[in-house]
Amino acid sequence: MTLDEVISEFDRGLRSMTGISRMSRPMPESAISGSDLQNDALSDESQLTEKERAHSAGLMRVNHVGEVCAQALYQAQKLATNSPELKASFEQAAREEEDHLAWTSKRLNDLDARPSLLNPLWYAGALAIGFVAGRFGDRASLGFMAETERQVEQHLDGHMKTLPANDHASRAIVEQMRLDESAHAAAAIGAGGTEVPFPVRALMRAASKVMTRTAYYI
């Protein structure tokens, strides 16, 4: 690994933990169309109750943490593989996930909310897990990636059911994230990812529950 690559990865890690991320795609927009309806959508945020706003902020904080972890996972798996093709694949997925990081960060700011105070901890834990997964080989690493994306997609499905109906901005972000995660999972399986054993899947779900419940508040 060259010095430039080390610096680049270190920079990405710092930006992930501090919420300073680059957006290569614009913020997803609500499916509402028409000038009058667009104006209504813009006013929806002011119509959120304090409880609804707090709930939206909690869910978006959880999603932001998920994207911090995604950056660490892809970074670690990229470092663990010797395959140029896989390195490129993980890099591409990480760039798309960085959009998610930027979107959720912007939405938290719009909701006058902060990201998780434990982001450095989440990042370090995900980095270690991703590197361990990568050391089991490329097929196992891809399988881990696919399972991670599937579980994230399930979380996002749940968020769509509980986000306030008037919070069109958050719902548009979550929906686009869900589509991207599904595509990443399919790509990983298509590239040869193996099925993750049930005990590992169960452990991943348990760890995810701890993270999501904590990040919702802290």
Protein backbone atom coordinates (compact mmCIF):
# COMPACT_ATOMS: atom_id res chain seq x y z
CA MET A 1 0.00 0.00 0.00
CA THR A 2 1.48 3.36 -1.05
CA LEU A 3 1.80 6.39 1.20
CA ASP A 4 -0.80 8.22 -0.89
CA GLU A 5 -3.26 5.37 -0.33
CA VAL A 6 -2.60 5.38 3.42
CA ILE A 7 -3.22 9.13 3.55
CA SER A 8 -6.38 8.77 1.45
CA GLU A 9 -7.81 6.04 3.68
CA PHE A 10 -6.92 7.99 6.84
CA ASP A 11 -8.65 11.05 5.39
CA ARG A 12 -11.76 9.01 4.56
CA GLY A 13 -11.85 7.63 8.09
CA LEU A 14 -11.63 11.07 9.65
CA ARG A 15 -14.33 12.45 7.36
CA SER A 16 -16.59 9.51 8.15
CA MET A 17 -16.28 9.96 11.91
CA THR A 18 -16.65 13.74 11.85
CA GLY A 19 -19.50 13.85 9.32
CA ILE A 20 -17.53 15.83 6.72
CA SER A 21 -18.41 13.80 3.65
CA ARG A 22 -18.62 14.48 -0.07
CA MET A 23 -21.89 14.12 -1.95
CA SER A 24 -21.61 12.85 -5.54
CA ARG A 25 -25.38 12.61 -6.02
CA PRO A 26 -27.95 15.25 -5.06
CA MET A 27 -30.24 14.77 -2.09
CA PRO A 28 -33.13 12.43 -2.96
CA GLU A 29 -36.36 14.28 -3.53
CA SER A 30 -39.88 13.39 -2.55
CA ALA A 31 -42.05 11.81 -5.22
CA ILE A 32 -44.50 14.70 -4.73
CA SER A 33 -44.66 16.77 -7.91
CA GLY A 34 -46.29 20.00 -8.93
CA SER A 35 -45.49 23.45 -7.57
CA ASP A 36 -48.31 23.56 -5.04
CA LEU A 37 -47.53 20.10 -3.73
CA GLN A 38 -43.82 20.91 -3.58
CA ASN A 39 -44.59 23.97 -1.48
CA ASP A 40 -46.70 21.79 0.81
CA ALA A 41 -43.82 19.34 1.12
CA LEU A 42 -41.46 22.15 2.09
CA SER A 43 -43.82 23.16 4.87
CA ASP A 44 -44.25 19.61 6.17
CA GLU A 45 -41.14 19.88 8.34
CA SER A 46 -42.59 22.83 10.25
CA GLN A 47 -45.76 20.81 10.77
CA LEU A 48 -43.94 18.00 12.55
CA THR A 49 -44.69 17.80 16.25
CA GLU A 50 -41.77 17.81 18.68
CA LYS A 51 -42.26 14.09 19.22
CA GLU A 52 -42.28 13.40 15.47
CA ARG A 53 -39.22 15.55 14.91
CA ALA A 54 -37.36 13.76 17.71
CA HIS A 55 -38.32 10.37 16.26
CA SER A 56 -37.18 11.35 12.76
CA ALA A 57 -33.91 12.64 14.20
CA GLY A 58 -33.37 9.42 16.15
CA LEU A 59 -33.90 7.27 13.07
CA MET A 60 -31.68 9.44 10.90
CA ARG A 61 -28.98 9.32 13.58
CA VAL A 62 -29.18 5.52 13.46
CA ASN A 63 -28.91 5.63 9.66
CA HIS A 64 -25.96 8.00 9.87
CA VAL A 65 -24.17 5.58 12.24
CA GLY A 66 -24.91 2.77 9.79
CA GLU A 67 -23.17 4.71 7.05
CA VAL A 68 -20.19 5.47 9.30
CA CYS A 69 -19.91 1.72 9.88
CA ALA A 70 -20.33 1.02 6.16
CA GLN A 71 -17.35 3.22 5.36
CA ALA A 72 -15.24 1.35 7.92
CA LEU A 73 -16.38 -2.07 6.69
CA TYR A 74 -15.64 -1.35 3.04
CA GLN A 75 -12.34 0.26 3.94
CA ALA A 76 -11.25 -2.78 5.95
CA GLN A 77 -12.39 -5.28 3.33
CA LYS A 78 -10.62 -3.32 0.62
CA LEU A 79 -7.40 -3.47 2.63
CA ALA A 80 -7.81 -7.19 3.34
CA THR A 81 -8.17 -8.39 -0.27
CA ASN A 82 -5.43 -8.80 -2.83
CA SER A 83 -7.87 -8.75 -5.75
CA PRO A 84 -7.75 -5.51 -7.79
CA GLU A 85 -11.29 -6.21 -9.00
CA LEU A 86 -12.64 -6.53 -5.47
CA LYS A 87 -10.74 -3.46 -4.32
CA ALA A 88 -12.45 -1.52 -7.11
CA SER A 89 -15.84 -3.01 -6.21
CA PHE A 90 -15.50 -2.11 -2.53
CA GLU A 91 -14.32 1.38 -3.49
CA GLN A 92 -17.34 1.94 -5.72
CA ALA A 93 -19.74 0.75 -3.03
CA ALA A 94 -18.01 2.98 -0.47
CA ARG A 95 -18.44 6.02 -2.72
CA GLU A 96 -22.17 5.35 -3.01
CA GLU A 97 -22.41 4.83 0.74
CA GLU A 98 -20.62 8.15 1.22
CA ASP A 99 -23.60 9.79 -0.47
CA HIS A 100 -25.78 8.19 2.20
CA LEU A 101 -23.45 9.55 4.86
CA ALA A 102 -23.74 13.06 3.44
CA TRP A 103 -27.51 12.84 3.02
CA THR A 104 -28.14 11.66 6.58
CA SER A 105 -25.73 14.26 7.95
CA LYS A 106 -27.57 17.02 6.07
CA ARG A 107 -30.93 15.75 7.24
CA LEU A 108 -29.78 15.65 10.87
CA ASN A 109 -28.69 19.25 10.52
CA ASP A 110 -32.06 20.20 9.02
CA LEU A 111 -33.77 18.58 12.01
CA ASP A 112 -31.51 20.51 14.43
CA ALA A 113 -30.09 17.20 15.64
CA ARG A 114 -26.55 15.89 16.09
CA PRO A 115 -24.89 12.67 14.95
CA SER A 116 -24.04 9.95 17.45
CA LEU A 117 -21.47 10.90 20.06
CA LEU A 118 -20.07 7.37 19.77
CA ASN A 119 -19.14 7.53 16.07
CA PRO A 120 -15.41 6.88 16.71
CA LEU A 121 -16.35 3.73 18.64
CA TRP A 122 -18.74 2.52 15.94
CA TYR A 123 -16.13 3.20 13.26
CA ALA A 124 -13.33 1.37 15.08
CA GLY A 125 -15.53 -1.65 15.79
CA ALA A 126 -16.73 -1.90 12.18
CA LEU A 127 -13.18 -1.52 10.88
CA ALA A 128 -12.02 -4.46 13.01
CA ILE A 129 -14.99 -6.63 12.02
CA GLY A 130 -14.53 -5.86 8.33
CA PHE A 131 -10.85 -6.73 8.42
CA VAL A 132 -11.54 -10.05 10.18
CA ALA A 133 -14.21 -10.89 7.59
CA GLY A 134 -11.77 -10.04 4.82
CA ARG A 135 -9.12 -12.39 6.21
CA PHE A 136 -11.46 -15.35 5.70
CA GLY A 137 -11.12 -14.90 1.95
CA ASP A 138 -12.81 -12.97 -0.82
CA ARG A 139 -15.91 -15.15 -1.11
CA ALA A 140 -16.54 -14.95 2.64
CA SER A 141 -15.89 -11.20 2.58
CA LEU A 142 -18.42 -10.73 -0.21
CA GLY A 143 -20.92 -12.90 1.64
CA PHE A 144 -20.48 -10.79 4.75
CA MET A 145 -21.02 -7.66 2.66
CA ALA A 146 -24.21 -9.09 1.17
CA GLU A 147 -25.60 -10.12 4.57
CA THR A 148 -24.76 -6.72 6.05
CA GLU A 149 -26.59 -4.96 3.23
CA ARG A 150 -29.61 -7.26 3.57
CA GLN A 151 -29.88 -6.53 7.27
CA VAL A 152 -29.54 -2.80 6.65
CA GLU A 153 -32.28 -3.02 4.04
CA GLN A 154 -34.54 -4.68 6.61
CA HIS A 155 -33.84 -1.87 9.08
CA LEU A 156 -34.69 0.72 6.45
CA ASP A 157 -37.96 -1.08 5.66
CA GLY A 158 -38.83 -0.72 9.33
CA HIS A 159 -37.93 2.96 9.32
CA MET A 160 -40.24 3.60 6.38
CA LYS A 161 -43.10 2.22 8.46
CA THR A 162 -42.46 4.47 11.46
CA LEU A 163 -41.19 7.73 9.98
CA PRO A 164 -43.81 10.50 10.25
CA ALA A 165 -45.99 10.61 7.15
CA ASN A 166 -45.26 14.33 6.69
CA ASP A 167 -41.49 13.87 6.82
CA HIS A 168 -41.10 13.53 3.06
CA ALA A 169 -37.45 14.57 3.10
CA SER A 170 -36.37 11.78 5.46
CA ARG A 171 -38.56 9.23 3.69
CA ALA A 172 -37.05 10.07 0.30
CA ILE A 173 -33.53 9.60 1.68
CA VAL A 174 -34.36 6.29 3.35
CA GLU A 175 -36.06 4.95 0.23
CA GLN A 176 -33.07 5.70 -2.00
CA MET A 177 -30.73 4.20 0.58
CA ARG A 178 -32.86 1.07 0.63
CA LEU A 179 -32.61 0.72 -3.14
CA ASP A 180 -28.83 1.17 -3.05
CA GLU A 181 -28.34 -1.38 -0.26
CA SER A 182 -30.38 -3.94 -2.17
CA ALA A 183 -28.23 -3.38 -5.25
CA HIS A 184 -25.02 -3.76 -3.23
CA ALA A 185 -26.22 -7.06 -1.74
CA ALA A 186 -27.13 -8.41 -5.18
CA ALA A 187 -23.77 -7.33 -6.60
CA ALA A 188 -21.89 -9.08 -3.79
CA ILE A 189 -23.76 -12.34 -4.32
CA GLY A 190 -23.28 -12.03 -8.08
CA ALA A 191 -19.54 -11.61 -7.56
CA GLY A 192 -19.35 -14.95 -5.74
CA GLY A 193 -20.25 -14.18 -2.13
CA THR A 194 -21.01 -17.21 0.02
CA GLU A 195 -23.87 -17.58 2.48
CA VAL A 196 -22.96 -16.43 5.98
CA PRO A 197 -23.49 -19.21 8.60
CA PHE A 198 -26.58 -18.81 10.79
CA PRO A 199 -24.67 -18.23 14.07
CA VAL A 200 -22.79 -15.36 12.43
CA ARG A 201 -26.00 -13.89 11.01
CA ALA A 202 -27.61 -14.07 14.45
CA LEU A 203 -24.59 -12.42 16.06
CA MET A 204 -24.70 -9.65 13.44
CA ARG A 205 -28.38 -9.01 14.19
CA ALA A 206 -27.73 -8.90 17.94
CA ALA A 207 -24.86 -6.44 17.53
CA SER A 208 -26.99 -4.34 15.19
CA LYS A 209 -29.78 -4.11 17.76
CA VAL A 210 -27.37 -2.86 20.39
CA MET A 211 -25.99 -0.26 17.98
CA THR A 212 -29.37 0.97 16.73
CA ARG A 213 -30.94 1.24 20.17
CA THR A 214 -27.93 3.13 21.51
CA ALA A 215 -27.46 5.41 18.50
CA TYR A 216 -31.14 6.41 18.52
CA TYR A 217 -30.47 8.36 21.73
CA ILE A 218 -26.71 8.88 21.97
